[in-house]
Amino acid sequence: SRPNTRGYNLIFLALNTILYAKSNYSGAEDPCGQLKWFDEQLNETTSNPYNRIFILAHIPPGYFERETSFGPFFQNVYQNDTRFNDRFVDIIIKHSNKPGAIVSHFYGHTHTDSFRIFREKDSFTSSSSTENKPMGVAFIAPSVVPLVTSNLGTNPGIRLYQYNPSNSYLSNYHQYYLNLTEANHPKGQTNADWRELYNFTQAYNVENLSLENDAKIRKNVLINHI
């Protein structure tokens, strides 16, 4: 189909990635058949050049940046078994660079602020610029809940994304936070104030959140802000 008068067709694919958490392992190769469904949906939607696709889920693939010893978020009860994580990422890479663009991924779960770049296999061990090409980007927003782990905490955060329907990338986002120390001070203000912590394009000195800016972002990146 052709885009509406406001731009491209916006398609949101929402997944239940809690199925792949270690604590929820069911023994199934593909719980609820979701990975098959995900592959089929991307195969259909990315074939249409007028589609712009967003992927949403709670738990992200990959590791927790602050404690990598946990292993990847997607794994079964058997040690070092990352089949869910690998399959999920393989599906994303498979459908990247098709006519219908995957604009970005949105995740939560970690309660912290980070982003991830999906790359072709073996790209980190190769000097080839083509193999090093970024294939997708995922943004993980901090939460309103301040607890991270039993030993780590953070200020509550909310995020505002900016997107122009005529593009294949996000224009920017603004990250806001609530200072809990001030808000809970006995002599402090009675009303909590949300403040802007940073905006992405200014913090990383890029024009937008497109994959073309990946190399520039990596030179200036500090993965966690909060």
N, C-alpha and C. Protein backbone atom coordinates (compact mmCIF):
# COMPACT_ATOMS: atom_id res chain seq x y z
N SER A 1 0.83 -1.20 0.00
CA SER A 1 0.00 0.00 0.00
C SER A 1 0.87 1.25 0.00
N ARG A 2 0.29 2.36 -0.48
CA ARG A 2 1.02 3.61 -0.49
C ARG A 2 0.85 4.33 0.85
N PRO A 3 1.75 5.26 1.18
CA PRO A 3 1.64 5.95 2.46
C PRO A 3 0.44 6.87 2.49
N ASN A 4 0.00 7.20 3.71
CA ASN A 4 -1.07 8.17 3.85
C ASN A 4 -0.54 9.56 3.56
N THR A 5 -1.39 10.55 3.60
CA THR A 5 -0.99 11.91 3.23
C THR A 5 0.02 12.50 4.20
N ARG A 6 0.17 11.92 5.38
CA ARG A 6 1.10 12.45 6.37
C ARG A 6 2.48 11.81 6.29
N GLY A 7 2.66 10.83 5.44
CA GLY A 7 3.96 10.18 5.31
C GLY A 7 3.81 8.69 5.09
N TYR A 8 4.77 7.92 5.57
CA TYR A 8 4.77 6.47 5.38
C TYR A 8 3.76 5.79 6.30
N ASN A 9 3.48 4.52 5.98
CA ASN A 9 2.66 3.69 6.87
C ASN A 9 3.50 3.33 8.09
N LEU A 10 3.04 3.66 9.28
CA LEU A 10 3.77 3.35 10.50
C LEU A 10 3.24 2.04 11.08
N ILE A 11 4.13 1.08 11.27
CA ILE A 11 3.76 -0.24 11.76
C ILE A 11 4.53 -0.53 13.05
N PHE A 12 3.79 -0.90 14.09
CA PHE A 12 4.39 -1.20 15.39
C PHE A 12 4.23 -2.69 15.68
N LEU A 13 5.33 -3.38 15.86
CA LEU A 13 5.32 -4.80 16.22
C LEU A 13 5.69 -4.93 17.69
N ALA A 14 4.73 -5.35 18.50
CA ALA A 14 4.94 -5.48 19.94
C ALA A 14 5.13 -6.95 20.30
N LEU A 15 6.21 -7.25 21.01
CA LEU A 15 6.59 -8.62 21.35
C LEU A 15 6.60 -8.84 22.85
N ASN A 16 6.32 -10.06 23.26
CA ASN A 16 6.41 -10.44 24.67
C ASN A 16 7.75 -11.15 24.89
N THR A 17 8.81 -10.39 25.07
CA THR A 17 10.14 -10.99 25.22
C THR A 17 10.38 -11.53 26.63
N ILE A 18 9.42 -11.35 27.52
CA ILE A 18 9.53 -11.96 28.85
C ILE A 18 9.55 -13.48 28.72
N LEU A 19 9.02 -13.98 27.61
CA LEU A 19 9.04 -15.43 27.35
C LEU A 19 10.46 -15.99 27.31
N TYR A 20 11.44 -15.15 26.99
CA TYR A 20 12.81 -15.62 26.78
C TYR A 20 13.71 -15.42 28.00
N ALA A 21 13.14 -14.90 29.07
CA ALA A 21 13.93 -14.70 30.29
C ALA A 21 14.29 -16.05 30.90
N LYS A 22 15.45 -16.10 31.52
CA LYS A 22 15.93 -17.36 32.11
C LYS A 22 14.91 -17.95 33.08
N SER A 23 14.29 -17.11 33.89
CA SER A 23 13.37 -17.59 34.92
C SER A 23 12.07 -18.13 34.33
N ASN A 24 11.81 -17.84 33.04
CA ASN A 24 10.56 -18.27 32.41
C ASN A 24 10.76 -19.39 31.41
N TYR A 25 11.92 -20.01 31.41
CA TYR A 25 12.21 -21.03 30.40
C TYR A 25 11.21 -22.18 30.50
N SER A 26 10.59 -22.51 29.38
CA SER A 26 9.55 -23.55 29.35
C SER A 26 10.02 -24.84 28.71
N GLY A 27 11.18 -24.83 28.10
CA GLY A 27 11.67 -25.99 27.39
C GLY A 27 11.32 -25.97 25.92
N ALA A 28 10.49 -25.02 25.50
CA ALA A 28 10.07 -24.92 24.11
C ALA A 28 11.16 -24.29 23.25
N GLU A 29 11.25 -24.73 22.00
CA GLU A 29 12.20 -24.15 21.06
C GLU A 29 11.77 -22.74 20.64
N ASP A 30 10.48 -22.51 20.61
CA ASP A 30 9.93 -21.21 20.22
C ASP A 30 8.64 -20.99 21.01
N PRO A 31 8.75 -20.50 22.25
CA PRO A 31 7.56 -20.33 23.09
C PRO A 31 6.47 -19.52 22.40
N CYS A 32 5.26 -20.10 22.38
CA CYS A 32 4.09 -19.47 21.77
C CYS A 32 4.24 -19.22 20.27
N GLY A 33 5.29 -19.76 19.66
CA GLY A 33 5.52 -19.55 18.24
C GLY A 33 5.80 -18.10 17.88
N GLN A 34 6.29 -17.34 18.85
CA GLN A 34 6.44 -15.90 18.64
C GLN A 34 7.59 -15.56 17.68
N LEU A 35 8.69 -16.28 17.75
CA LEU A 35 9.81 -15.99 16.86
C LEU A 35 9.43 -16.25 15.41
N LYS A 36 8.67 -17.31 15.18
CA LYS A 36 8.17 -17.60 13.83
C LYS A 36 7.25 -16.47 13.36
N TRP A 37 6.37 -16.03 14.27
CA TRP A 37 5.45 -14.93 13.94
C TRP A 37 6.23 -13.65 13.65
N PHE A 38 7.24 -13.37 14.45
CA PHE A 38 8.07 -12.17 14.28
C PHE A 38 8.75 -12.18 12.92
N ASP A 39 9.31 -13.32 12.56
CA ASP A 39 9.97 -13.47 11.26
C ASP A 39 8.97 -13.25 10.12
N GLU A 40 7.79 -13.83 10.24
CA GLU A 40 6.78 -13.69 9.20
C GLU A 40 6.29 -12.25 9.07
N GLN A 41 6.09 -11.59 10.20
CA GLN A 41 5.62 -10.20 10.17
C GLN A 41 6.65 -9.28 9.53
N LEU A 42 7.91 -9.47 9.87
CA LEU A 42 8.95 -8.64 9.27
C LEU A 42 9.12 -8.95 7.78
N ASN A 43 8.98 -10.21 7.43
CA ASN A 43 9.08 -10.58 6.02
C ASN A 43 8.01 -9.87 5.20
N GLU A 44 6.81 -9.77 5.76
CA GLU A 44 5.71 -9.11 5.06
C GLU A 44 5.85 -7.60 5.06
N THR A 45 6.12 -7.02 6.22
CA THR A 45 6.11 -5.55 6.33
C THR A 45 7.32 -4.91 5.68
N THR A 46 8.48 -5.55 5.72
CA THR A 46 9.68 -4.95 5.12
C THR A 46 9.69 -5.06 3.60
N SER A 47 8.79 -5.84 3.03
CA SER A 47 8.73 -5.96 1.58
C SER A 47 8.05 -4.75 0.93
N ASN A 48 7.34 -3.97 1.73
CA ASN A 48 6.63 -2.79 1.21
C ASN A 48 7.47 -1.55 1.45
N PRO A 49 7.94 -0.87 0.41
CA PRO A 49 8.82 0.30 0.59
C PRO A 49 8.13 1.48 1.25
N TYR A 50 6.81 1.43 1.39
CA TYR A 50 6.09 2.53 2.02
C TYR A 50 5.85 2.29 3.51
N ASN A 51 6.44 1.22 4.04
CA ASN A 51 6.27 0.92 5.47
C ASN A 51 7.47 1.40 6.27
N ARG A 52 7.19 1.89 7.46
CA ARG A 52 8.21 2.23 8.44
C ARG A 52 7.85 1.50 9.73
N ILE A 53 8.78 0.65 10.21
CA ILE A 53 8.46 -0.33 11.25
C ILE A 53 9.19 0.01 12.55
N PHE A 54 8.45 -0.09 13.65
CA PHE A 54 9.00 0.08 14.99
C PHE A 54 8.79 -1.22 15.76
N ILE A 55 9.80 -1.67 16.49
CA ILE A 55 9.72 -2.90 17.27
C ILE A 55 9.74 -2.53 18.75
N LEU A 56 8.76 -3.04 19.50
CA LEU A 56 8.61 -2.71 20.91
C LEU A 56 8.58 -3.99 21.74
N ALA A 57 9.31 -3.99 22.85
CA ALA A 57 9.29 -5.13 23.77
C ALA A 57 9.81 -4.67 25.13
N HIS A 58 9.57 -5.49 26.13
CA HIS A 58 10.02 -5.13 27.48
C HIS A 58 11.50 -5.46 27.68
N ILE A 59 11.87 -6.73 27.54
CA ILE A 59 13.25 -7.14 27.76
C ILE A 59 14.03 -7.05 26.44
N PRO A 60 15.19 -6.40 26.44
CA PRO A 60 15.99 -6.30 25.21
C PRO A 60 16.88 -7.51 25.03
N PRO A 61 17.33 -7.78 23.82
CA PRO A 61 18.38 -8.79 23.63
C PRO A 61 19.71 -8.25 24.15
N GLY A 62 20.69 -9.12 24.24
CA GLY A 62 22.02 -8.67 24.68
C GLY A 62 22.21 -8.75 26.18
N TYR A 63 23.23 -8.05 26.65
CA TYR A 63 23.66 -8.12 28.05
C TYR A 63 23.29 -6.83 28.78
N PHE A 64 23.26 -6.92 30.10
CA PHE A 64 23.09 -5.74 30.94
C PHE A 64 24.46 -5.08 31.08
N GLU A 65 24.56 -3.84 30.65
CA GLU A 65 25.86 -3.16 30.58
C GLU A 65 26.54 -3.04 31.93
N ARG A 66 25.76 -2.97 32.99
CA ARG A 66 26.35 -2.73 34.32
C ARG A 66 26.75 -4.02 35.03
N GLU A 67 26.32 -5.15 34.50
CA GLU A 67 26.68 -6.42 35.13
C GLU A 67 26.59 -7.53 34.08
N THR A 68 27.65 -7.67 33.29
CA THR A 68 27.63 -8.63 32.18
C THR A 68 27.71 -10.07 32.65
N SER A 69 28.08 -10.30 33.91
CA SER A 69 28.20 -11.68 34.40
C SER A 69 26.86 -12.39 34.44
N PHE A 70 25.76 -11.64 34.38
CA PHE A 70 24.43 -12.25 34.35
C PHE A 70 24.22 -13.04 33.07
N GLY A 71 24.99 -12.73 32.04
CA GLY A 71 24.77 -13.34 30.74
C GLY A 71 23.68 -12.59 30.00
N PRO A 72 23.36 -13.01 28.78
CA PRO A 72 22.32 -12.33 28.01
C PRO A 72 20.97 -12.48 28.69
N PHE A 73 20.10 -11.50 28.47
CA PHE A 73 18.77 -11.55 29.06
C PHE A 73 17.97 -12.73 28.52
N PHE A 74 18.16 -13.04 27.23
CA PHE A 74 17.44 -14.16 26.61
C PHE A 74 18.30 -15.41 26.75
N GLN A 75 17.94 -16.30 27.65
CA GLN A 75 18.65 -17.58 27.73
C GLN A 75 17.81 -18.55 28.53
N ASN A 76 18.00 -19.85 28.27
CA ASN A 76 17.27 -20.83 29.05
C ASN A 76 18.07 -21.21 30.28
N VAL A 77 17.59 -22.19 31.02
CA VAL A 77 18.21 -22.51 32.31
C VAL A 77 19.58 -23.15 32.16
N TYR A 78 19.91 -23.62 30.97
CA TYR A 78 21.21 -24.25 30.78
C TYR A 78 22.27 -23.19 30.52
N GLN A 79 23.37 -23.31 31.20
CA GLN A 79 24.43 -22.30 31.14
C GLN A 79 24.94 -22.12 29.70
N ASN A 80 25.12 -20.85 29.34
CA ASN A 80 25.69 -20.45 28.05
C ASN A 80 24.82 -20.82 26.85
N ASP A 81 23.55 -21.12 27.06
CA ASP A 81 22.66 -21.39 25.95
C ASP A 81 21.97 -20.08 25.56
N THR A 82 22.37 -19.52 24.44
CA THR A 82 21.86 -18.21 24.02
C THR A 82 21.02 -18.32 22.76
N ARG A 83 20.36 -19.46 22.55
CA ARG A 83 19.66 -19.69 21.28
C ARG A 83 18.56 -18.65 21.04
N PHE A 84 17.83 -18.24 22.08
CA PHE A 84 16.78 -17.26 21.90
C PHE A 84 17.36 -15.91 21.49
N ASN A 85 18.43 -15.51 22.16
CA ASN A 85 19.08 -14.24 21.84
C ASN A 85 19.60 -14.27 20.40
N ASP A 86 20.28 -15.34 20.04
CA ASP A 86 20.87 -15.44 18.70
C ASP A 86 19.80 -15.46 17.62
N ARG A 87 18.72 -16.19 17.87
CA ARG A 87 17.66 -16.28 16.87
C ARG A 87 16.97 -14.94 16.69
N PHE A 88 16.74 -14.27 17.79
CA PHE A 88 16.08 -12.97 17.75
C PHE A 88 16.91 -11.98 16.93
N VAL A 89 18.20 -11.92 17.22
CA VAL A 89 19.08 -10.99 16.50
C VAL A 89 19.20 -11.40 15.03
N ASP A 90 19.27 -12.70 14.74
CA ASP A 90 19.36 -13.17 13.36
C ASP A 90 18.15 -12.71 12.55
N ILE A 91 16.97 -12.75 13.16
CA ILE A 91 15.75 -12.32 12.47
C ILE A 91 15.83 -10.84 12.13
N ILE A 92 16.32 -10.04 13.07
CA ILE A 92 16.45 -8.60 12.85
C ILE A 92 17.43 -8.32 11.70
N ILE A 93 18.59 -8.96 11.74
CA ILE A 93 19.59 -8.75 10.69
C ILE A 93 19.06 -9.19 9.34
N LYS A 94 18.36 -10.31 9.33
CA LYS A 94 17.81 -10.87 8.09
C LYS A 94 16.92 -9.89 7.36
N HIS A 95 16.15 -9.09 8.11
CA HIS A 95 15.17 -8.21 7.49
C HIS A 95 15.61 -6.74 7.45
N SER A 96 16.85 -6.49 7.78
CA SER A 96 17.38 -5.12 7.68
C SER A 96 17.77 -4.84 6.23
N ASN A 97 17.85 -3.56 5.91
CA ASN A 97 18.22 -3.12 4.56
C ASN A 97 17.25 -3.61 3.49
N LYS A 98 15.99 -3.73 3.85
CA LYS A 98 14.95 -4.07 2.88
C LYS A 98 14.15 -2.81 2.56
N PRO A 99 13.30 -2.86 1.53
CA PRO A 99 12.56 -1.64 1.13
C PRO A 99 11.76 -1.00 2.25
N GLY A 100 11.08 -1.82 3.06
CA GLY A 100 10.37 -1.30 4.22
C GLY A 100 11.31 -1.23 5.40
N ALA A 101 11.61 -0.04 5.88
CA ALA A 101 12.69 0.15 6.85
C ALA A 101 12.23 -0.10 8.28
N ILE A 102 13.07 -0.80 9.05
CA ILE A 102 12.90 -0.88 10.50
C ILE A 102 13.53 0.38 11.08
N VAL A 103 12.71 1.29 11.58
CA VAL A 103 13.21 2.59 12.05
C VAL A 103 14.04 2.42 13.31
N SER A 104 13.48 1.74 14.32
CA SER A 104 14.21 1.55 15.57
C SER A 104 13.47 0.56 16.46
N HIS A 105 14.15 0.15 17.54
CA HIS A 105 13.58 -0.71 18.55
C HIS A 105 13.46 0.10 19.84
N PHE A 106 12.45 -0.24 20.65
CA PHE A 106 12.28 0.38 21.97
C PHE A 106 12.14 -0.72 23.02
N TYR A 107 12.98 -0.63 24.06
CA TYR A 107 12.94 -1.61 25.14
C TYR A 107 12.97 -0.91 26.49
N GLY A 108 12.74 -1.70 27.52
CA GLY A 108 12.82 -1.20 28.90
C GLY A 108 13.58 -2.20 29.74
N HIS A 109 12.99 -2.62 30.87
CA HIS A 109 13.48 -3.70 31.73
C HIS A 109 14.68 -3.34 32.59
N THR A 110 15.70 -2.72 32.03
CA THR A 110 16.93 -2.49 32.78
C THR A 110 16.81 -1.33 33.77
N HIS A 111 15.84 -0.45 33.57
CA HIS A 111 15.64 0.76 34.37
C HIS A 111 16.77 1.77 34.16
N THR A 112 17.66 1.51 33.22
CA THR A 112 18.78 2.40 32.95
C THR A 112 18.72 2.92 31.52
N ASP A 113 19.59 3.85 31.21
CA ASP A 113 19.61 4.56 29.94
C ASP A 113 20.74 4.03 29.07
N SER A 114 20.40 3.42 27.94
CA SER A 114 21.45 2.92 27.04
C SER A 114 20.86 2.74 25.64
N PHE A 115 21.73 2.42 24.70
CA PHE A 115 21.26 2.06 23.36
C PHE A 115 22.17 0.98 22.80
N ARG A 116 21.68 0.30 21.77
CA ARG A 116 22.42 -0.81 21.19
C ARG A 116 22.40 -0.73 19.68
N ILE A 117 23.50 -1.14 19.08
CA ILE A 117 23.63 -1.18 17.63
C ILE A 117 23.68 -2.64 17.19
N PHE A 118 22.79 -3.01 16.28
CA PHE A 118 22.83 -4.35 15.69
C PHE A 118 23.76 -4.32 14.48
N ARG A 119 24.65 -5.32 14.40
CA ARG A 119 25.60 -5.39 13.31
C ARG A 119 25.57 -6.76 12.66
N GLU A 120 26.13 -6.83 11.46
CA GLU A 120 26.25 -8.10 10.78
C GLU A 120 27.16 -9.03 11.58
N LYS A 121 26.98 -10.31 11.39
CA LYS A 121 27.78 -11.29 12.11
C LYS A 121 29.26 -11.11 11.83
N ASP A 122 30.06 -11.33 12.86
CA ASP A 122 31.53 -11.28 12.77
C ASP A 122 32.05 -9.88 12.45
N SER A 123 31.21 -8.84 12.58
CA SER A 123 31.66 -7.51 12.20
C SER A 123 32.73 -6.98 13.14
N PHE A 124 32.73 -7.44 14.39
CA PHE A 124 33.69 -6.90 15.34
C PHE A 124 35.09 -7.48 15.14
N THR A 125 35.19 -8.58 14.39
CA THR A 125 36.50 -9.18 14.17
C THR A 125 37.00 -8.90 12.76
N SER A 126 36.28 -8.06 12.04
CA SER A 126 36.67 -7.78 10.66
C SER A 126 37.01 -6.31 10.50
N SER A 127 37.97 -6.04 9.64
CA SER A 127 38.34 -4.65 9.34
C SER A 127 37.57 -4.12 8.14
N SER A 128 36.74 -4.96 7.53
CA SER A 128 35.99 -4.57 6.35
C SER A 128 34.90 -3.57 6.70
N SER A 129 34.85 -2.45 6.01
CA SER A 129 33.85 -1.42 6.30
C SER A 129 32.44 -1.89 5.95
N THR A 130 32.33 -2.78 4.93
CA THR A 130 31.00 -3.27 4.56
C THR A 130 30.46 -4.23 5.61
N GLU A 131 31.32 -5.10 6.13
CA GLU A 131 30.88 -6.03 7.18
C GLU A 131 30.64 -5.30 8.49
N ASN A 132 31.25 -4.15 8.65
CA ASN A 132 31.10 -3.39 9.89
C ASN A 132 29.85 -2.52 9.87
N LYS A 133 29.08 -2.62 8.84
CA LYS A 133 27.92 -1.75 8.65
C LYS A 133 26.87 -1.99 9.72
N PRO A 134 26.37 -0.93 10.38
CA PRO A 134 25.29 -1.10 11.36
C PRO A 134 24.00 -1.48 10.66
N MET A 135 23.24 -2.37 11.27
CA MET A 135 22.02 -2.90 10.67
C MET A 135 20.75 -2.46 11.40
N GLY A 136 20.88 -1.96 12.61
CA GLY A 136 19.70 -1.55 13.36
C GLY A 136 20.10 -0.90 14.66
N VAL A 137 19.18 -0.14 15.24
CA VAL A 137 19.46 0.55 16.49
C VAL A 137 18.30 0.35 17.46
N ALA A 138 18.64 0.14 18.73
CA ALA A 138 17.65 -0.06 19.78
C ALA A 138 17.91 0.93 20.91
N PHE A 139 16.84 1.54 21.41
CA PHE A 139 16.95 2.50 22.51
C PHE A 139 16.29 1.92 23.75
N ILE A 140 17.01 1.96 24.86
CA ILE A 140 16.50 1.45 26.13
C ILE A 140 16.35 2.63 27.08
N ALA A 141 15.14 2.92 27.44
CA ALA A 141 14.86 4.10 28.26
C ALA A 141 14.85 3.73 29.74
N PRO A 142 15.29 4.67 30.60
CA PRO A 142 15.19 4.44 32.04
C PRO A 142 13.73 4.45 32.48
N SER A 143 13.48 4.03 33.69
CA SER A 143 12.11 3.86 34.16
C SER A 143 11.73 4.93 35.18
N VAL A 144 10.44 5.02 35.44
CA VAL A 144 9.96 5.89 36.52
C VAL A 144 10.32 5.28 37.87
N VAL A 145 10.38 3.94 37.92
CA VAL A 145 10.76 3.25 39.15
C VAL A 145 12.27 3.40 39.36
N PRO A 146 12.73 3.87 40.52
CA PRO A 146 14.16 4.16 40.71
C PRO A 146 15.04 2.94 40.98
N LEU A 147 14.47 1.79 41.28
CA LEU A 147 15.27 0.62 41.61
C LEU A 147 15.87 0.01 40.35
N VAL A 148 17.18 -0.28 40.38
CA VAL A 148 17.84 -0.99 39.28
C VAL A 148 18.14 -2.42 39.72
N THR A 149 18.97 -2.56 40.76
CA THR A 149 19.22 -3.85 41.40
C THR A 149 19.18 -3.62 42.90
N SER A 150 19.48 -4.66 43.67
CA SER A 150 19.48 -4.50 45.12
C SER A 150 20.57 -3.53 45.57
N ASN A 151 21.57 -3.29 44.70
CA ASN A 151 22.68 -2.40 45.06
C ASN A 151 22.72 -1.11 44.25
N LEU A 152 21.91 -1.02 43.22
CA LEU A 152 21.97 0.14 42.33
C LEU A 152 20.60 0.81 42.24
N GLY A 153 20.62 2.13 42.16
CA GLY A 153 19.38 2.89 41.99
C GLY A 153 19.61 4.03 41.02
N THR A 154 18.54 4.69 40.64
CA THR A 154 18.63 5.78 39.69
C THR A 154 17.47 6.74 39.91
N ASN A 155 17.60 7.96 39.43
CA ASN A 155 16.49 8.88 39.47
C ASN A 155 15.42 8.44 38.47
N PRO A 156 14.15 8.66 38.77
CA PRO A 156 13.09 8.34 37.80
C PRO A 156 13.31 9.11 36.50
N GLY A 157 12.96 8.48 35.39
CA GLY A 157 13.15 9.13 34.09
C GLY A 157 11.97 8.91 33.17
N ILE A 158 11.74 9.86 32.29
CA ILE A 158 10.77 9.72 31.21
C ILE A 158 11.42 10.27 29.94
N ARG A 159 10.94 9.82 28.79
CA ARG A 159 11.61 10.18 27.53
C ARG A 159 10.58 10.58 26.48
N LEU A 160 10.93 11.59 25.70
CA LEU A 160 10.08 12.07 24.61
C LEU A 160 10.84 11.91 23.29
N TYR A 161 10.32 11.03 22.41
CA TYR A 161 10.94 10.81 21.11
C TYR A 161 10.33 11.76 20.08
N GLN A 162 11.14 12.15 19.11
CA GLN A 162 10.66 12.98 18.00
C GLN A 162 10.89 12.23 16.70
N TYR A 163 9.83 12.18 15.89
CA TYR A 163 9.90 11.43 14.63
C TYR A 163 9.12 12.14 13.55
N ASN A 164 9.74 12.27 12.38
CA ASN A 164 9.08 12.82 11.21
C ASN A 164 8.65 11.65 10.33
N PRO A 165 7.34 11.48 10.08
CA PRO A 165 6.86 10.32 9.31
C PRO A 165 7.46 10.19 7.91
N SER A 166 8.11 11.22 7.43
CA SER A 166 8.72 11.13 6.09
C SER A 166 10.12 10.53 6.13
N ASN A 167 10.63 10.22 7.32
CA ASN A 167 12.00 9.73 7.47
C ASN A 167 12.05 8.25 7.81
N SER A 168 13.25 7.68 7.72
CA SER A 168 13.51 6.30 8.15
C SER A 168 14.33 6.28 9.43
N TYR A 169 14.28 7.35 10.19
CA TYR A 169 15.04 7.44 11.43
C TYR A 169 14.33 8.40 12.38
N LEU A 170 14.66 8.30 13.66
CA LEU A 170 14.15 9.23 14.66
C LEU A 170 14.91 10.55 14.54
N SER A 171 14.20 11.64 14.73
CA SER A 171 14.84 12.96 14.65
C SER A 171 15.68 13.23 15.90
N ASN A 172 15.13 12.88 17.06
CA ASN A 172 15.82 13.19 18.32
C ASN A 172 15.01 12.59 19.45
N TYR A 173 15.56 12.62 20.66
CA TYR A 173 14.74 12.41 21.86
C TYR A 173 15.27 13.27 22.99
N HIS A 174 14.38 13.60 23.91
CA HIS A 174 14.72 14.40 25.09
C HIS A 174 14.49 13.53 26.32
N GLN A 175 15.51 13.44 27.16
CA GLN A 175 15.44 12.64 28.38
C GLN A 175 15.23 13.55 29.58
N TYR A 176 14.22 13.22 30.40
CA TYR A 176 13.90 14.01 31.59
C TYR A 176 14.09 13.15 32.83
N TYR A 177 14.36 13.81 33.95
CA TYR A 177 14.56 13.09 35.20
C TYR A 177 13.95 13.86 36.36
N LEU A 178 13.73 13.14 37.46
CA LEU A 178 13.24 13.72 38.71
C LEU A 178 14.30 13.51 39.77
N ASN A 179 14.77 14.57 40.38
CA ASN A 179 15.82 14.48 41.40
C ASN A 179 15.19 14.03 42.72
N LEU A 180 15.39 12.76 43.07
CA LEU A 180 14.77 12.22 44.28
C LEU A 180 15.34 12.82 45.55
N THR A 181 16.62 13.17 45.53
CA THR A 181 17.23 13.77 46.72
C THR A 181 16.55 15.08 47.06
N GLU A 182 16.31 15.89 46.05
CA GLU A 182 15.62 17.16 46.27
C GLU A 182 14.15 16.94 46.64
N ALA A 183 13.52 16.03 45.93
CA ALA A 183 12.09 15.81 46.14
C ALA A 183 11.79 15.27 47.54
N ASN A 184 12.73 14.51 48.12
CA ASN A 184 12.51 13.90 49.44
C ASN A 184 13.15 14.67 50.58
N HIS A 185 13.76 15.80 50.27
CA HIS A 185 14.40 16.58 51.33
C HIS A 185 13.32 17.18 52.23
N PRO A 186 13.48 17.05 53.56
CA PRO A 186 12.44 17.56 54.48
C PRO A 186 12.19 19.05 54.35
N LYS A 187 13.18 19.80 53.91
CA LYS A 187 13.01 21.24 53.75
C LYS A 187 12.96 21.63 52.27
N GLY A 188 12.78 20.63 51.44
CA GLY A 188 12.79 20.89 50.00
C GLY A 188 11.45 21.33 49.48
N GLN A 189 11.34 21.33 48.18
CA GLN A 189 10.13 21.80 47.53
C GLN A 189 9.00 20.80 47.73
N THR A 190 7.78 21.29 47.76
CA THR A 190 6.63 20.42 47.94
C THR A 190 6.21 19.74 46.64
N ASN A 191 6.49 20.37 45.51
CA ASN A 191 6.16 19.81 44.21
C ASN A 191 7.43 19.38 43.47
N ALA A 192 7.45 18.12 43.06
CA ALA A 192 8.62 17.63 42.33
C ALA A 192 8.64 18.20 40.92
N ASP A 193 9.84 18.58 40.46
CA ASP A 193 10.00 19.15 39.13
C ASP A 193 10.77 18.19 38.23
N TRP A 194 10.20 17.89 37.06
CA TRP A 194 10.92 17.11 36.06
C TRP A 194 11.79 18.05 35.25
N ARG A 195 13.05 17.68 35.06
CA ARG A 195 14.01 18.52 34.34
C ARG A 195 14.60 17.74 33.17
N GLU A 196 15.00 18.46 32.15
CA GLU A 196 15.66 17.82 31.03
C GLU A 196 17.09 17.48 31.41
N LEU A 197 17.45 16.22 31.25
CA LEU A 197 18.81 15.78 31.52
C LEU A 197 19.70 16.01 30.31
N TYR A 198 19.21 15.65 29.12
CA TYR A 198 19.95 15.85 27.88
C TYR A 198 19.01 15.56 26.72
N ASN A 199 19.43 15.97 25.51
CA ASN A 199 18.78 15.48 24.30
C ASN A 199 19.85 14.82 23.44
N PHE A 200 19.47 13.80 22.73
CA PHE A 200 20.43 12.90 22.10
C PHE A 200 21.33 13.59 21.08
N THR A 201 20.75 14.35 20.16
CA THR A 201 21.56 14.93 19.10
C THR A 201 22.59 15.91 19.64
N GLN A 202 22.23 16.63 20.68
CA GLN A 202 23.17 17.58 21.28
C GLN A 202 24.24 16.85 22.08
N ALA A 203 23.83 15.84 22.85
CA ALA A 203 24.78 15.11 23.69
C ALA A 203 25.83 14.37 22.87
N TYR A 204 25.43 13.82 21.71
CA TYR A 204 26.34 13.02 20.90
C TYR A 204 26.82 13.76 19.66
N ASN A 205 26.41 15.01 19.52
CA ASN A 205 26.87 15.86 18.42
C ASN A 205 26.58 15.22 17.06
N VAL A 206 25.31 14.85 16.86
CA VAL A 206 24.87 14.28 15.59
C VAL A 206 23.61 15.01 15.14
N GLU A 207 23.27 14.85 13.87
CA GLU A 207 22.12 15.56 13.31
C GLU A 207 20.81 14.85 13.61
N ASN A 208 20.85 13.53 13.74
CA ASN A 208 19.64 12.75 14.00
C ASN A 208 20.06 11.40 14.55
N LEU A 209 19.10 10.48 14.68
CA LEU A 209 19.37 9.18 15.26
C LEU A 209 19.44 8.08 14.20
N SER A 210 19.88 8.43 13.01
CA SER A 210 19.98 7.47 11.93
C SER A 210 21.23 6.61 12.08
N LEU A 211 21.25 5.47 11.40
CA LEU A 211 22.40 4.57 11.46
C LEU A 211 23.64 5.19 10.83
N GLU A 212 23.45 6.12 9.92
CA GLU A 212 24.58 6.77 9.26
C GLU A 212 25.44 7.54 10.26
N ASN A 213 24.87 7.88 11.40
CA ASN A 213 25.62 8.62 12.42
C ASN A 213 26.29 7.69 13.43
N ASP A 214 26.23 6.38 13.19
CA ASP A 214 26.75 5.43 14.17
C ASP A 214 28.22 5.62 14.47
N ALA A 215 29.06 5.78 13.44
CA ALA A 215 30.50 5.93 13.65
C ALA A 215 30.80 7.16 14.50
N LYS A 216 30.08 8.24 14.24
CA LYS A 216 30.30 9.46 15.00
C LYS A 216 29.85 9.30 16.45
N ILE A 217 28.73 8.58 16.63
CA ILE A 217 28.22 8.35 17.98
C ILE A 217 29.23 7.55 18.80
N ARG A 218 29.81 6.51 18.18
CA ARG A 218 30.72 5.63 18.92
C ARG A 218 31.96 6.38 19.41
N LYS A 219 32.35 7.43 18.73
CA LYS A 219 33.52 8.18 19.15
C LYS A 219 33.24 8.99 20.41
N ASN A 220 31.97 9.36 20.61
CA ASN A 220 31.62 10.22 21.72
C ASN A 220 30.81 9.53 22.81
N VAL A 221 30.61 8.20 22.66
CA VAL A 221 29.59 7.55 23.48
C VAL A 221 30.06 7.27 24.92
N LEU A 222 29.13 7.55 25.83
CA LEU A 222 29.18 7.04 27.20
C LEU A 222 27.83 6.34 27.36
N ILE A 223 27.84 5.01 27.36
CA ILE A 223 26.61 4.25 27.20
C ILE A 223 25.53 4.64 28.23
N ASN A 224 25.90 4.75 29.49
CA ASN A 224 24.89 5.03 30.51
C ASN A 224 24.98 6.49 30.97
N HIS A 225 23.84 7.15 30.99
CA HIS A 225 23.77 8.54 31.43
C HIS A 225 23.31 8.65 32.87
N ILE A 226 22.51 7.72 33.33
CA ILE A 226 21.91 7.85 34.66
C ILE A 226 22.40 6.73 35.56
